[in-house]
Every structure is written in C-alpha cells, then in structure tokens.
N, C-alpha and C. Protein backbone atom coordinates (compact mmCIF):
# COMPACT_ATOMS: atom_id res chain seq x y z
N UNK A 1 -4.73 -5.81 0.46
CA UNK A 1 -5.34 -6.80 1.59
C UNK A 1 -5.69 -6.46 2.56
N UNK A 2 -7.17 -6.29 2.51
CA UNK A 2 -7.91 -6.44 3.54
C UNK A 2 -8.70 -7.80 4.11
N UNK A 3 -9.37 -8.16 4.66
CA UNK A 3 -10.14 -9.49 4.60
C UNK A 3 -11.49 -9.15 5.90
N UNK A 4 -12.71 -9.54 5.68
CA UNK A 4 -13.75 -9.30 6.27
C UNK A 4 -13.97 -10.26 7.85
N UNK A 5 -12.97 -11.08 7.93
CA UNK A 5 -12.55 -12.29 8.55
C UNK A 5 -12.37 -10.83 10.18
N UNK A 6 -12.29 -11.80 11.68
CA UNK A 6 -12.09 -10.86 12.95
C UNK A 6 -10.48 -11.24 13.05
N UNK A 7 -9.60 -11.33 11.80
CA UNK A 7 -8.36 -11.37 12.02
C UNK A 7 -7.11 -10.41 11.36
N UNK A 8 -5.70 -10.61 12.47
CA UNK A 8 -5.19 -8.84 11.61
C UNK A 8 -4.01 -9.56 10.35
N UNK A 9 -3.53 -9.75 9.10
CA UNK A 9 -2.47 -10.24 9.11
C UNK A 9 -0.96 -9.57 9.03
N UNK A 10 0.28 -10.55 9.32
CA UNK A 10 1.91 -9.75 9.41
C UNK A 10 1.62 -8.24 8.53
N UNK A 11 1.32 -8.92 7.72
CA UNK A 11 1.22 -6.90 6.50
C UNK A 11 0.73 -6.18 7.36
N UNK A 12 -0.10 -6.71 7.61
CA UNK A 12 -0.80 -5.19 8.22
C UNK A 12 -0.61 -4.51 9.50
N UNK A 13 0.45 -5.52 10.06
CA UNK A 13 1.80 -5.46 11.43
C UNK A 13 2.77 -4.43 10.69
N UNK A 14 3.17 -4.63 9.46
CA UNK A 14 4.53 -4.27 9.20
C UNK A 14 4.63 -3.31 8.55
N UNK A 15 3.89 -2.60 7.60
CA UNK A 15 4.19 -2.29 6.56
C UNK A 15 2.27 -0.88 6.57
N UNK A 16 2.69 0.21 6.39
CA UNK A 16 1.29 0.99 6.46
C UNK A 16 1.11 0.49 4.65
N UNK A 17 -0.74 0.43 4.58
CA UNK A 17 -0.81 -0.19 2.81
C UNK A 17 -0.77 1.53 2.23
N UNK A 18 -0.99 1.10 1.03
CA UNK A 18 -0.60 2.18 -0.21
C UNK A 18 -1.99 2.91 0.43
N UNK A 19 -2.81 3.14 0.50
CA UNK A 19 -4.41 3.18 0.47
C UNK A 19 -5.78 2.39 1.34
N UNK A 20 -6.47 2.85 2.27
CA UNK A 20 -7.42 2.40 2.72
C UNK A 20 -9.01 2.86 2.46
N UNK A 21 -9.50 2.30 3.48
CA UNK A 21 -11.27 3.02 3.34
C UNK A 21 -11.58 3.83 4.12
N UNK A 22 -12.36 4.31 4.34
CA UNK A 22 -12.35 5.65 5.49
C UNK A 22 -14.08 4.93 6.10
N UNK A 23 -14.50 5.86 7.01
CA UNK A 23 -15.96 5.39 7.72
C UNK A 23 -17.27 5.20 6.60
N UNK A 24 -17.11 5.75 5.80
CA UNK A 24 -17.75 6.26 4.32
C UNK A 24 -17.71 5.24 3.69
N UNK A 25 -16.21 4.08 3.53
CA UNK A 25 -15.89 3.65 2.12
C UNK A 25 -15.33 4.35 1.34
N UNK A 26 -14.58 5.33 1.60
CA UNK A 26 -13.91 6.34 0.44
C UNK A 26 -12.59 5.61 0.59
N UNK A 27 -11.73 5.37 -0.85
CA UNK A 27 -10.84 5.49 -1.08
C UNK A 27 -9.26 6.19 -0.23
N UNK A 28 -8.84 6.27 0.72
CA UNK A 28 -8.19 6.96 0.93
C UNK A 28 -6.68 6.43 1.47
N UNK A 29 -5.65 7.99 0.75
CA UNK A 29 -4.67 7.21 0.68
C UNK A 29 -3.51 7.73 2.17
N UNK A 30 -2.95 6.29 2.10
CA UNK A 30 -1.47 5.61 3.38
C UNK A 30 -0.94 6.06 3.14
N UNK A 31 0.02 5.78 2.49
CA UNK A 31 1.69 5.57 2.71
C UNK A 31 2.00 6.50 0.71
N UNK A 32 0.57 6.56 0.10
CA UNK A 32 0.54 7.06 -1.08
C UNK A 32 0.05 8.86 -1.12
N UNK A 33 0.39 9.64 -1.57
CA UNK A 33 -0.18 10.62 -2.13
C UNK A 33 -0.86 10.70 -2.94
N UNK A 34 -0.70 10.32 -4.43
CA UNK A 34 -1.99 10.39 -5.65
C UNK A 34 -1.94 8.87 -6.18
N UNK A 35 -2.40 8.25 -6.85
CA UNK A 35 -2.12 6.96 -7.85
C UNK A 35 -2.88 7.79 -9.36
N UNK A 36 -2.52 7.34 -10.18
CA UNK A 36 -3.35 7.26 -11.43
C UNK A 36 -3.18 5.94 -12.02
N UNK A 37 -4.39 5.39 -13.68
CA UNK A 37 -4.83 5.13 -14.67
C UNK A 37 -3.83 5.12 -15.75
N UNK A 38 -3.38 3.58 -16.40
CA UNK A 38 -2.63 4.23 -17.91
C UNK A 38 -4.50 3.94 -18.45
N UNK A 39 -3.72 4.53 -19.42
CA UNK A 39 -5.32 4.98 -20.84
C UNK A 39 -5.54 3.80 -21.01
N UNK A 40 -5.20 2.99 -20.44
CA UNK A 40 -6.29 1.56 -21.02
C UNK A 40 -6.12 0.57 -19.65
N UNK A 41 -5.89 1.37 -18.98
CA UNK A 41 -6.25 1.01 -17.05
C UNK A 41 -6.24 0.10 -16.76
N UNK A 42 -5.28 -0.67 -17.78
CA UNK A 42 -4.45 -1.91 -17.05
C UNK A 42 -3.20 -1.83 -15.88
N UNK A 43 -2.70 -0.70 -15.46
CA UNK A 43 -1.61 -0.21 -15.16
C UNK A 43 -2.37 0.84 -14.40
N UNK A 44 -1.90 1.02 -12.91
CA UNK A 44 -1.64 2.01 -12.19
C UNK A 44 -0.17 2.25 -11.08
N UNK A 45 -0.33 3.65 -11.35
CA UNK A 45 1.12 4.76 -11.06
C UNK A 45 0.58 5.16 -9.63
N UNK A 46 1.59 4.93 -8.17
CA UNK A 46 1.27 5.19 -7.05
C UNK A 46 2.65 6.22 -7.45
N UNK A 47 2.25 6.93 -6.11
CA UNK A 47 3.12 8.12 -6.08
C UNK A 47 3.36 8.06 -4.61
N UNK A 48 4.76 7.68 -3.67
CA UNK A 48 4.78 7.17 -2.30
C UNK A 48 5.12 8.64 -2.18
N UNK A 49 4.57 8.80 -0.62
CA UNK A 49 4.65 10.04 0.17
C UNK A 49 6.35 9.87 0.80
N UNK A 50 6.97 11.14 0.79
CA UNK A 50 8.62 11.31 0.64
C UNK A 50 8.45 11.32 2.69
N UNK A 51 9.15 10.60 3.10
CA UNK A 51 9.87 10.58 4.49
C UNK A 51 9.31 9.00 4.85
N UNK A 52 8.85 8.13 4.29
CA UNK A 52 8.49 7.05 5.12
C UNK A 52 9.83 6.27 5.48
N UNK A 53 9.98 5.24 6.34
CA UNK A 53 10.69 4.68 6.67
C UNK A 53 10.53 3.58 7.46
N UNK A 54 11.75 2.45 7.52
CA UNK A 54 11.41 0.93 8.21
C UNK A 54 12.03 1.87 9.58
N UNK A 55 11.18 0.67 10.74
CA UNK A 55 12.03 1.11 11.55
C UNK A 55 13.36 1.02 12.66
N UNK A 56 14.79 0.97 11.34
CA UNK A 56 15.44 0.78 11.20
C UNK A 56 16.37 2.66 10.55
N UNK A 57 14.98 3.01 10.12
CA UNK A 57 15.59 4.09 9.81
C UNK A 57 15.84 4.10 8.35
N UNK A 58 15.42 3.15 7.41
CA UNK A 58 16.16 2.92 6.35
C UNK A 58 14.72 3.77 5.50
N UNK A 59 15.31 4.36 3.59
CA UNK A 59 14.20 4.61 3.57
C UNK A 59 13.47 3.52 2.87
N UNK A 60 11.48 3.88 3.09
CA UNK A 60 11.03 3.26 2.56
C UNK A 60 10.27 2.61 1.27
N UNK A 61 10.79 1.60 -0.15
CA UNK A 61 11.11 2.24 -1.28
C UNK A 61 9.62 1.53 -1.91
N UNK A 62 9.50 2.13 -3.74
CA UNK A 62 8.87 1.58 -4.40
C UNK A 62 8.57 -0.17 -4.33
N UNK A 63 10.14 -0.59 -4.46
CA UNK A 63 10.78 -2.30 -4.52
C UNK A 63 9.58 -3.03 -2.96
N UNK A 64 10.08 -2.06 -2.26
CA UNK A 64 9.33 -3.15 -1.02
C UNK A 64 7.39 -3.45 -1.04
N UNK A 65 7.28 -2.65 -1.84
CA UNK A 65 5.48 -2.81 -1.74
C UNK A 65 5.12 -3.36 -2.80
N UNK A 66 6.27 -3.62 -4.30
CA UNK A 66 5.87 -4.49 -5.16
C UNK A 66 6.83 -5.96 -4.82
N UNK A 67 7.44 -6.43 -3.71
CA UNK A 67 7.54 -7.32 -3.16
C UNK A 67 6.93 -8.33 -2.88
N UNK A 68 6.28 -6.62 -1.54
CA UNK A 68 5.00 -7.45 -0.96
C UNK A 68 4.35 -8.02 -1.34
N UNK A 69 3.77 -7.43 -2.72
CA UNK A 69 2.56 -7.95 -3.49
C UNK A 69 2.46 -9.03 -4.29
N UNK A 70 3.81 -9.03 -4.66
CA UNK A 70 4.38 -10.40 -4.91
C UNK A 70 4.08 -11.17 -4.01
N UNK A 71 4.50 -11.53 -3.21
CA UNK A 71 4.98 -12.79 -2.04
C UNK A 71 3.45 -12.32 -1.43
N UNK A 72 2.75 -12.12 -1.44
CA UNK A 72 1.20 -11.92 -1.52
C UNK A 72 0.64 -12.90 -2.86
N UNK A 73 0.74 -12.53 -3.64
CA UNK A 73 -0.01 -12.66 -4.98
C UNK A 73 0.78 -14.75 -4.72
N UNK A 74 1.23 -15.09 -4.18
CA UNK A 74 2.08 -16.50 -4.52
C UNK A 74 1.77 -17.24 -3.44
C-alpha cells in the first residue's frame, strides 16, 4: 500500500510491508525473504523472514498479512 500523496496511512505505521522500492525503484524485500509466482502467474507465494513479532512479542504470521490486505481491499 503505497501512495504518491504526501501522507502516510496507519498500515505503514503498524507493520513492515512485504516489500518496498529502493532509491532506484528496484523491488526490495522487507518482511519477506523471497517470493515467487505460480506457473500461471495468478498466485504469488511470499516467504516471511523469521523473528518478526508484534510489539507485545507475539509472532507475526502470514495470516496477519492476509487480513491486512483483505481489509485494505474492502
């Protein structure tokens, strides 16, 4: 969830994005170690970095990212 407008969203403050763009606009991993597309290109699989936790020490999971993306889409 990126914007060209000079404001930030709460999502950017609360969690590390899966990936971001560096100064040369190259896609760079953040919360992921790697990602890969399915053979038909319709499904992407992201492998999360180990050791990601919430501020209370709870482990950050793929479900947390799925729910965040679903919420953003609705």
